[in-house]
Amino acid sequence: MLTLHELSTLARDNATTRLLSIYLDARVTDPAMRHAWRPALMTAVRDARARISDIAELAEFDRAAAWLDNPWPPLDGVFGAPGWVAFLAPDGPRYASDVPMRVPTLVAWRDGPVISPYVRVLKQQSPVIVALVDSRSARLFHYAWGTLTALPGMTLAAKDEVLERAGAETHATSSPAPRGALGTERADHRRRAIFQRMAATLAARVVELASDNGWVLIGGTTEWAALAGEALPATLEGRVTISDALDHDATDDTIAQAAKHAAAAMREVRARKLVDQLFERLGSRGRSALGVPAMRRALDAGAVDLLLLTSQYVQAHPREAENDVRAALALGADVETVSGDAAAQLEQNGDGVGARLRFSLDGMAPHVAATSDHHVDSAHAD
């Protein structure tokens, strides 16, 4: 899978190269229909070819498309993966890979790769780190692209286990008398102190695994899951979910489903926060742009730090969305597509687009979007 930086580099390095961009919906629910994607792909390729009138350009197109006769990775290998993406030049492929999510089938012939649909794929790239904890141990997992991988877990050190068991025994045998209650309280404090040492080690490991863009799901025994969550640093704020329904001994299927839903929920919360921030930053000294004209003006000025688009905008305005994404990446900006409530808000109040800015545009003369330098005149399929 490409990262956003790699996608930007690919676009920059091939900006003047004629490429055949292919997005293939390869989802198969019936093994008997394993090759059902092939007619749809070939039809899309023929349609793209039919829009070319120049003989020399047709020859270039055919050389690029010929790679589909014997591709690598093989298209038959798509079975089991929901999507496939390739960027093909007349002299060979620039990139090709299956992707573990559905993408609408698209074939386009133009200068540079068509990258705006890939931004949506990038949303799924962030992993989910799952930690299932009890008083003595933590089970760790990595979930990404529908695959759950067990990681080395951790348990209390031997000396701590002895102390923890001793505390449990004190708790179990203590009488309700004041003296016994005091012993029980001390035992509980001891157990918590011992667990918190493990929680600190667990927190450091989770931070390392989640890196800058991963999500975190903490489950297991309710009390200890909450304590483990409290041990996580503020750097993970907004990326952590504490589950009181995911048991320490949950099956892999249950963990994978919980991780998938938790990631979707956290992405939705993050998207709403980003869109809300755009509105908060508006004003006479605001550093945000909402709507197509304001967003294009910000791109022209080199002010965009983050470009947000809805899937509806990308689908309704594919050429414009492609040019906007290319321009944002050329500035080193982040690009994200939003969905759900965040997308509805951005559609209603910003034409489906918005941008967080590096600096205010106050006092700058407005630019006419249609004549901006960053626009590319060619469409997805010329």
Protein backbone atom coordinates (compact mmCIF):
# COMPACT_ATOMS: atom_id res chain seq x y z
CA MET A 1 0.00 0.00 0.00
CA LEU A 2 1.11 3.52 -0.78
CA THR A 3 1.40 6.11 1.96
CA LEU A 4 0.23 9.68 1.36
CA HIS A 5 3.85 10.74 0.91
CA GLU A 6 4.49 7.94 -1.60
CA LEU A 7 1.30 8.83 -3.47
CA SER A 8 2.41 12.46 -3.65
CA THR A 9 5.85 11.41 -4.92
CA LEU A 10 4.28 9.16 -7.55
CA ALA A 11 2.08 12.02 -8.76
CA ARG A 12 4.97 14.48 -8.86
CA ASP A 13 7.39 12.14 -10.64
CA ASN A 14 4.84 11.20 -13.29
CA ALA A 15 3.03 14.52 -13.68
CA THR A 16 3.95 14.83 -17.38
CA THR A 17 3.80 11.11 -18.23
CA ARG A 18 0.69 9.79 -19.96
CA LEU A 19 -0.69 7.06 -17.73
CA LEU A 20 -3.53 4.58 -17.78
CA SER A 21 -5.04 4.71 -14.29
CA ILE A 22 -7.17 1.73 -13.30
CA TYR A 23 -9.32 1.23 -10.21
CA LEU A 24 -11.07 -2.13 -10.16
CA ASP A 25 -13.97 -3.26 -7.98
CA ALA A 26 -12.91 -6.89 -7.60
CA ARG A 27 -15.14 -7.98 -4.76
CA VAL A 28 -16.36 -11.55 -5.25
CA THR A 29 -19.01 -13.21 -3.09
CA ASP A 30 -19.47 -16.32 -5.24
CA PRO A 31 -16.37 -18.34 -6.22
CA ALA A 32 -18.13 -19.27 -9.46
CA MET A 33 -18.05 -15.56 -10.38
CA ARG A 34 -14.32 -15.24 -9.77
CA HIS A 35 -13.69 -13.64 -13.17
CA ALA A 36 -16.86 -11.52 -13.30
CA TRP A 37 -14.77 -8.35 -12.98
CA ARG A 38 -13.01 -8.96 -16.30
CA PRO A 39 -15.84 -7.91 -18.70
CA ALA A 40 -16.44 -4.71 -16.69
CA LEU A 41 -12.76 -3.86 -16.83
CA MET A 42 -12.40 -4.56 -20.53
CA THR A 43 -15.50 -2.47 -21.29
CA ALA A 44 -14.06 0.46 -19.31
CA VAL A 45 -10.73 0.11 -21.14
CA ARG A 46 -12.49 0.12 -24.53
CA ASP A 47 -14.53 3.17 -23.55
CA ALA A 48 -11.37 5.07 -22.55
CA ARG A 49 -9.68 4.07 -25.82
CA ALA A 50 -12.67 5.20 -27.87
CA ARG A 51 -12.20 8.76 -26.63
CA ILE A 52 -8.76 8.99 -28.25
CA SER A 53 -8.53 10.18 -31.85
CA ASP A 54 -4.80 10.73 -32.31
CA ILE A 55 -3.11 7.71 -33.90
CA ALA A 56 0.19 8.12 -32.03
CA GLU A 57 -1.64 8.47 -28.73
CA LEU A 58 -3.69 5.36 -29.49
CA ALA A 59 -0.45 3.44 -29.92
CA GLU A 60 0.76 4.66 -26.53
CA PHE A 61 -2.55 3.69 -24.93
CA ASP A 62 -2.37 0.21 -26.43
CA ARG A 63 1.16 -0.31 -25.15
CA ALA A 64 0.06 0.65 -21.64
CA ALA A 65 -3.09 -1.48 -21.81
CA ALA A 66 -1.14 -4.48 -23.13
CA TRP A 67 0.33 -4.89 -19.67
CA LEU A 68 -3.12 -6.12 -18.57
CA ASP A 69 -2.61 -9.25 -20.66
CA ASN A 70 0.06 -10.46 -18.24
CA PRO A 71 -0.01 -8.22 -15.17
CA TRP A 72 1.98 -8.47 -12.00
CA PRO A 73 0.55 -8.90 -9.47
CA PRO A 74 -1.76 -11.14 -11.50
CA LEU A 75 -5.34 -10.00 -11.72
CA ASP A 76 -6.52 -13.52 -10.89
CA GLY A 77 -4.89 -12.94 -7.53
CA VAL A 78 -7.49 -10.24 -6.83
CA PHE A 79 -9.90 -12.97 -5.74
CA GLY A 80 -10.17 -12.47 -1.99
CA ALA A 81 -9.18 -8.77 -2.18
CA PRO A 82 -12.03 -6.28 -2.72
CA GLY A 83 -10.10 -3.93 -5.02
CA TRP A 84 -7.14 -3.48 -7.34
CA VAL A 85 -5.26 -0.36 -8.49
CA ALA A 86 -2.70 0.19 -11.24
CA PHE A 87 -0.98 3.13 -12.92
CA LEU A 88 0.39 2.02 -16.30
CA ALA A 89 2.71 3.87 -18.67
CA PRO A 90 3.45 2.82 -22.27
CA ASP A 91 6.87 1.59 -21.11
CA GLY A 92 5.52 -0.37 -18.14
CA PRO A 93 3.68 -0.09 -14.82
CA ARG A 94 4.46 2.67 -12.37
CA TYR A 95 2.47 0.98 -9.60
CA ALA A 96 0.09 -1.96 -9.22
CA SER A 97 -1.41 -3.61 -6.17
CA ASP A 98 -4.57 -5.11 -4.78
CA VAL A 99 -6.24 -3.07 -2.05
CA PRO A 100 -8.26 -4.51 0.83
CA MET A 101 -11.34 -2.36 0.24
CA ARG A 102 -13.83 -1.79 -2.55
CA VAL A 103 -13.06 0.92 -5.08
CA PRO A 104 -15.41 1.92 -7.91
CA THR A 105 -14.18 0.61 -11.27
CA LEU A 106 -12.51 3.47 -13.16
CA VAL A 107 -10.25 3.59 -16.21
CA ALA A 108 -8.68 6.94 -17.12
CA TRP A 109 -6.01 8.04 -19.61
CA ARG A 110 -4.35 11.34 -18.81
CA ASP A 111 -1.10 12.99 -17.76
CA GLY A 112 -0.08 11.65 -14.37
CA PRO A 113 -1.90 9.13 -12.18
CA VAL A 114 -5.49 9.68 -11.08
CA ILE A 115 -4.98 9.78 -7.32
CA SER A 116 -8.11 11.31 -5.78
CA PRO A 117 -9.89 7.91 -5.39
CA TYR A 118 -6.81 6.56 -3.63
CA VAL A 119 -7.18 9.13 -0.85
CA ARG A 120 -10.25 7.25 0.32
CA VAL A 121 -8.22 4.04 0.40
CA LEU A 122 -5.71 5.76 2.69
CA LYS A 123 -8.43 6.22 5.33
CA GLN A 124 -8.27 2.49 6.01
CA GLN A 125 -4.50 2.39 6.33
CA SER A 126 -4.21 3.31 9.99
CA PRO A 127 -3.90 0.18 12.16
CA VAL A 128 -5.84 -0.59 15.32
CA ILE A 129 -3.78 -1.73 18.29
CA VAL A 130 -5.89 -3.87 20.61
CA ALA A 131 -4.92 -4.54 24.23
CA LEU A 132 -7.00 -6.95 26.31
CA VAL A 133 -5.98 -6.71 29.94
CA ASP A 134 -6.71 -8.33 33.27
CA SER A 135 -4.95 -7.92 36.60
CA ARG A 136 -1.98 -10.08 35.59
CA SER A 137 -1.56 -9.86 31.82
CA ALA A 138 -2.24 -8.07 28.56
CA ARG A 139 -2.96 -9.64 25.18
CA LEU A 140 -1.89 -7.46 22.24
CA PHE A 141 -3.12 -7.48 18.63
CA HIS A 142 -2.59 -5.50 15.44
CA TYR A 143 -5.60 -5.07 13.14
CA ALA A 144 -5.36 -3.58 9.64
CA TRP A 145 -7.02 -4.19 6.27
CA GLY A 146 -9.32 -6.83 7.74
CA THR A 147 -6.48 -8.91 9.18
CA LEU A 148 -5.90 -9.50 12.89
CA THR A 149 -2.38 -10.39 13.99
CA ALA A 150 -1.50 -11.51 17.50
CA LEU A 151 1.49 -9.71 19.01
CA PRO A 152 3.71 -10.69 21.94
CA GLY A 153 1.76 -9.93 25.10
CA MET A 154 2.98 -9.22 28.60
CA THR A 155 2.48 -10.59 32.08
CA LEU A 156 3.46 -9.46 35.55
CA ALA A 157 6.98 -10.29 36.63
CA ALA A 158 7.28 -13.41 38.83
CA LYS A 159 7.88 -11.42 42.04
CA ASP A 160 4.93 -9.18 41.26
CA GLU A 161 2.69 -12.20 40.65
CA VAL A 162 3.57 -13.53 44.08
CA LEU A 163 2.66 -10.23 45.70
CA GLU A 164 -0.48 -9.92 43.61
CA ARG A 165 -1.63 -13.43 44.59
CA ALA A 166 -0.86 -12.66 48.21
CA GLY A 167 -3.03 -9.61 47.95
CA ALA A 168 -5.82 -11.65 46.39
CA GLU A 169 -5.60 -14.20 49.19
CA THR A 170 -5.72 -11.45 51.80
CA HIS A 171 -8.78 -10.06 50.04
CA ALA A 172 -10.43 -13.48 49.91
CA THR A 173 -9.81 -14.43 53.55
CA SER A 174 -10.17 -11.09 55.25
CA SER A 175 -13.03 -10.68 57.68
CA PRO A 176 -15.41 -7.72 57.72
CA ALA A 177 -13.76 -6.53 60.92
CA PRO A 178 -12.00 -3.13 60.76
CA ARG A 179 -8.59 -4.81 60.98
CA GLY A 180 -9.48 -7.13 58.07
CA ALA A 181 -10.90 -4.24 56.07
CA LEU A 182 -7.66 -2.36 56.47
CA GLY A 183 -5.72 -5.39 55.27
CA THR A 184 -8.01 -5.73 52.28
CA GLU A 185 -7.59 -2.06 51.40
CA ARG A 186 -3.83 -2.37 51.59
CA ALA A 187 -3.94 -5.47 49.42
CA ASP A 188 -6.04 -3.62 46.83
CA HIS A 189 -3.56 -0.75 46.82
CA ARG A 190 -0.73 -3.24 46.38
CA ARG A 191 -2.47 -4.95 43.47
CA ARG A 192 -3.11 -1.63 41.76
CA ALA A 193 0.47 -0.47 42.26
CA ILE A 194 1.79 -3.72 40.80
CA PHE A 195 -0.60 -3.53 37.85
CA GLN A 196 0.28 0.09 37.17
CA ARG A 197 3.91 -0.88 36.67
CA MET A 198 2.79 -3.29 33.98
CA ALA A 199 0.38 -0.65 32.61
CA ALA A 200 3.25 1.81 32.21
CA THR A 201 5.18 -0.75 30.17
CA LEU A 202 2.03 -1.54 28.20
CA ALA A 203 1.42 2.16 27.50
CA ALA A 204 4.93 2.56 26.08
CA ARG A 205 4.43 -0.47 23.86
CA VAL A 206 1.03 0.75 22.62
CA VAL A 207 2.45 4.18 21.78
CA GLU A 208 5.24 2.52 19.79
CA LEU A 209 2.82 0.27 17.89
CA ALA A 210 0.20 2.96 17.21
CA SER A 211 2.83 5.44 16.03
CA ASP A 212 1.42 8.73 14.69
CA ASN A 213 -1.72 7.48 12.98
CA GLY A 214 -2.92 4.28 14.66
CA TRP A 215 -6.06 3.79 16.72
CA VAL A 216 -6.13 2.06 20.12
CA LEU A 217 -8.79 -0.24 21.56
CA ILE A 218 -8.52 -1.32 25.21
CA GLY A 219 -10.68 -4.17 26.47
CA GLY A 220 -10.60 -7.00 28.99
CA THR A 221 -11.63 -6.93 32.64
CA THR A 222 -13.43 -3.62 33.14
CA GLU A 223 -11.47 -2.32 36.13
CA TRP A 224 -8.06 -3.12 34.69
CA ALA A 225 -8.98 -1.92 31.19
CA ALA A 226 -9.91 1.46 32.67
CA LEU A 227 -6.60 1.64 34.57
CA ALA A 228 -4.68 0.70 31.43
CA GLY A 229 -6.46 3.45 29.54
CA GLU A 230 -5.57 6.00 32.21
CA ALA A 231 -1.89 5.06 31.80
CA LEU A 232 -1.88 6.07 28.12
CA PRO A 233 -0.26 9.44 27.36
CA ALA A 234 -2.01 12.55 26.10
CA THR A 235 -0.36 12.07 22.70
CA LEU A 236 -3.00 9.41 22.00
CA GLU A 237 -5.92 11.68 22.87
CA GLY A 238 -8.81 11.16 20.47
CA ARG A 239 -7.43 7.85 19.26
CA VAL A 240 -8.38 5.58 22.18
CA THR A 241 -11.55 3.61 22.89
CA ILE A 242 -12.10 1.76 26.18
CA SER A 243 -14.53 -1.13 25.68
CA ASP A 244 -16.52 -2.68 28.52
CA ALA A 245 -17.89 -5.34 26.16
CA LEU A 246 -14.67 -6.86 24.74
CA ASP A 247 -13.67 -9.67 27.08
CA HIS A 248 -10.07 -10.62 27.84
CA ASP A 249 -10.66 -14.09 26.37
CA ALA A 250 -12.54 -12.92 23.26
CA THR A 251 -12.09 -14.90 20.05
CA ASP A 252 -10.08 -13.54 17.14
CA ASP A 253 -13.24 -12.94 15.10
CA THR A 254 -14.81 -10.97 17.93
CA ILE A 255 -11.64 -8.90 18.40
CA ALA A 256 -11.40 -8.16 14.66
CA GLN A 257 -15.01 -7.00 14.48
CA ALA A 258 -14.59 -4.85 17.57
CA ALA A 259 -11.42 -3.28 16.14
CA LYS A 260 -13.12 -2.57 12.82
CA HIS A 261 -16.11 -0.86 14.45
CA ALA A 262 -13.95 1.06 16.92
CA ALA A 263 -11.76 2.42 14.13
CA ALA A 264 -14.79 3.51 12.11
CA ALA A 265 -16.29 5.25 15.14
CA MET A 266 -13.02 7.02 15.99
CA ARG A 267 -12.52 8.11 12.37
CA GLU A 268 -16.03 9.56 12.40
CA VAL A 269 -15.35 11.47 15.63
CA ARG A 270 -12.06 12.77 14.25
CA ALA A 271 -13.72 13.87 11.00
CA ARG A 272 -16.42 15.78 12.88
CA LYS A 273 -13.73 17.44 14.98
CA LEU A 274 -11.76 18.49 11.89
CA VAL A 275 -14.84 19.94 10.20
CA ASP A 276 -15.90 21.71 13.41
CA GLN A 277 -12.43 23.23 13.64
CA LEU A 278 -12.79 24.64 10.12
CA PHE A 279 -15.89 26.53 11.21
CA GLU A 280 -14.26 27.66 14.47
CA ARG A 281 -11.29 29.07 12.57
CA LEU A 282 -13.45 31.14 10.25
CA GLY A 283 -13.72 34.87 10.80
CA SER A 284 -11.83 38.04 10.10
CA ARG A 285 -8.57 36.42 11.18
CA GLY A 286 -9.61 32.85 10.50
CA ARG A 287 -7.28 30.27 9.07
CA SER A 288 -9.72 28.06 7.21
CA ALA A 289 -11.49 28.04 3.88
CA LEU A 290 -14.93 26.61 3.16
CA GLY A 291 -16.43 26.13 -0.28
CA VAL A 292 -14.82 25.75 -3.69
CA PRO A 293 -13.87 29.41 -4.39
CA ALA A 294 -12.25 29.94 -0.98
CA MET A 295 -10.49 26.59 -1.08
CA ARG A 296 -9.10 27.25 -4.59
CA ARG A 297 -7.91 30.70 -3.53
CA ALA A 298 -6.08 29.11 -0.59
CA LEU A 299 -4.47 26.54 -2.89
CA ASP A 300 -3.30 29.31 -5.21
CA ALA A 301 -1.76 31.14 -2.25
CA GLY A 302 0.04 28.01 -1.01
CA ALA A 303 -1.78 28.31 2.30
CA VAL A 304 -3.43 24.88 2.58
CA ASP A 305 -2.25 22.63 5.40
CA LEU A 306 -5.12 20.11 5.25
CA LEU A 307 -7.63 19.55 2.45
CA LEU A 308 -10.93 17.88 3.34
CA LEU A 309 -13.27 16.51 0.67
CA THR A 310 -16.45 14.48 0.77
CA SER A 311 -16.90 11.36 -1.34
CA GLN A 312 -19.89 13.09 -2.95
CA TYR A 313 -17.69 15.94 -4.15
CA VAL A 314 -15.08 13.57 -5.58
CA GLN A 315 -17.73 11.57 -7.44
CA ALA A 316 -19.68 14.60 -8.70
CA HIS A 317 -16.60 16.59 -9.78
CA PRO A 318 -13.88 14.04 -10.60
CA ARG A 319 -11.71 16.36 -12.73
CA GLU A 320 -11.86 19.24 -10.25
CA ALA A 321 -11.29 16.94 -7.27
CA GLU A 322 -8.28 15.39 -8.97
CA ASN A 323 -6.74 18.79 -9.62
CA ASP A 324 -7.47 19.95 -6.07
CA VAL A 325 -5.83 16.86 -4.55
CA ARG A 326 -2.76 17.18 -6.78
CA ALA A 327 -2.38 20.84 -5.88
CA ALA A 328 -2.71 20.14 -2.15
CA LEU A 329 -0.15 17.33 -2.24
CA ALA A 330 2.23 19.53 -4.21
CA LEU A 331 2.09 21.94 -1.25
CA GLY A 332 2.93 19.16 1.18
CA ALA A 333 -0.57 19.31 2.65
CA ASP A 334 -2.50 16.40 4.10
CA VAL A 335 -5.61 15.27 2.23
CA GLU A 336 -8.56 13.37 3.68
CA THR A 337 -12.03 12.35 2.61
CA VAL A 338 -14.76 12.53 5.23
CA SER A 339 -18.05 10.69 5.50
CA GLY A 340 -21.09 10.47 7.76
CA ASP A 341 -22.17 13.52 9.75
CA ALA A 342 -18.94 15.37 8.96
CA ALA A 343 -19.55 14.97 5.23
CA ALA A 344 -23.16 16.13 5.57
CA GLN A 345 -22.02 19.27 7.38
CA LEU A 346 -19.32 19.97 4.81
CA GLU A 347 -21.73 19.37 1.92
CA GLN A 348 -24.32 21.69 3.41
CA ASN A 349 -21.98 24.53 4.32
CA GLY A 350 -18.93 24.14 2.09
CA ASP A 351 -19.88 22.56 -1.25
CA GLY A 352 -18.21 19.37 -0.01
CA VAL A 353 -14.74 20.88 0.42
CA GLY A 354 -12.80 22.73 3.08
CA ALA A 355 -9.22 23.52 4.01
CA ARG A 356 -7.23 24.24 7.13
CA LEU A 357 -4.73 26.99 6.39
CA ARG A 358 -1.15 27.64 7.43
CA PHE A 359 -1.79 31.39 7.47
CA SER A 360 -4.68 33.81 7.08
CA LEU A 361 -5.60 35.07 3.62
CA ASP A 362 -6.84 38.42 4.95
CA GLY A 363 -5.79 41.30 2.74
CA MET A 364 -4.94 39.10 -0.24
CA ALA A 365 -6.61 39.85 -3.52
CA PRO A 366 -9.09 37.11 -4.54
CA HIS A 367 -8.12 34.86 -7.42
CA VAL A 368 -10.46 33.54 -10.04
CA ALA A 369 -10.61 29.77 -9.63
CA ALA A 370 -11.02 29.07 -13.33
CA THR A 371 -7.70 30.71 -14.14
CA SER A 372 -5.68 29.34 -11.22
CA ASP A 373 -2.26 28.05 -12.07
CA HIS A 374 -2.75 24.82 -10.17
CA HIS A 375 -5.55 23.54 -12.41
CA VAL A 376 -4.89 20.91 -15.05
CA ASP A 377 -7.12 21.22 -18.09
CA SER A 378 -7.29 17.53 -18.95
CA ALA A 379 -10.11 15.44 -17.53
CA HIS A 380 -9.85 12.01 -15.99
CA ALA A 381 -10.35 10.51 -19.40
CA ASP A 382 -9.50 12.67 -22.38
